[in-house]
Protein backbone atom coordinates (compact mmCIF):
# COMPACT_ATOMS: atom_id res chain seq x y z
CA MET A 1 70.55 -22.48 -15.94
CA ARG A 2 70.54 -18.89 -17.37
CA LEU A 3 67.40 -16.49 -15.96
CA GLU A 4 66.02 -14.41 -18.13
CA PHE A 5 63.81 -11.09 -17.59
CA ALA A 6 60.87 -10.02 -20.56
CA PRO A 7 59.04 -6.75 -18.99
CA GLU A 8 56.85 -7.32 -22.03
CA ARG A 9 54.91 -10.23 -20.92
CA ASP A 10 52.32 -9.88 -18.32
CA ASP A 11 51.30 -13.45 -18.15
CA ASP A 12 52.68 -16.31 -15.16
CA THR A 13 54.31 -18.84 -17.54
CA VAL A 14 57.71 -20.15 -17.39
CA ASP A 15 59.75 -20.65 -20.52
CA ILE A 16 61.91 -24.45 -20.56
CA ILE A 17 63.92 -24.59 -22.98
CA LEU A 18 65.25 -28.02 -22.98
CA GLY A 19 69.16 -27.72 -25.19
CA ARG A 20 70.74 -31.31 -26.59
CA ALA A 21 72.44 -32.04 -22.89
CA PHE A 22 69.13 -32.54 -21.37
CA THR A 23 68.87 -36.06 -19.88
CA ASN A 24 66.30 -36.02 -17.79
CA LEU A 25 63.88 -33.85 -15.31
CA LEU A 26 64.24 -33.48 -11.87
CA THR A 27 61.77 -34.08 -9.28
CA PRO A 28 60.43 -30.68 -8.26
CA THR A 29 62.22 -31.26 -4.43
CA GLU A 30 64.81 -30.94 -7.15
CA VAL A 31 63.96 -27.80 -9.31
CA ASN A 32 63.35 -25.57 -5.71
CA GLN A 33 66.97 -26.67 -4.47
CA ALA A 34 68.47 -25.65 -8.50
CA VAL A 35 66.37 -22.49 -8.00
CA ALA A 36 67.41 -21.46 -4.60
CA GLY A 37 70.87 -22.27 -5.24
CA ASN A 38 71.39 -19.81 -8.02
CA GLY A 39 70.73 -17.10 -5.34
CA GLN A 40 68.20 -14.70 -4.56
CA ARG A 41 67.94 -12.21 -7.71
CA ALA A 42 67.01 -8.74 -7.42
CA ALA A 43 63.65 -7.48 -9.19
CA PRO A 44 64.39 -4.88 -12.49
CA PRO A 45 63.47 -1.33 -11.96
CA GLY A 46 59.63 -0.61 -12.24
CA THR A 47 58.30 -4.25 -11.99
CA CYS A 48 56.92 -5.44 -8.70
CA GLY A 49 56.29 -2.22 -7.07
CA VAL A 50 60.22 -2.10 -6.32
CA VAL A 51 61.11 1.23 -6.09
CA SER A 52 65.34 2.08 -6.33
CA THR A 53 67.17 3.15 -3.74
CA GLU A 54 70.12 3.94 -6.33
CA ASP A 55 70.74 7.75 -6.73
């Protein structure tokens, strides 16, 4: 799974691209587990009201 941020997008749509190795869809529970398994991502600077603490 690759997560990619596109700051030019202003909607809440998620694009899912299936490759050649795709074999089946996951259940909603399995999707949630896979996303959670990637760990918590930090929001990119300047988004979601996040203020950078790096100086």
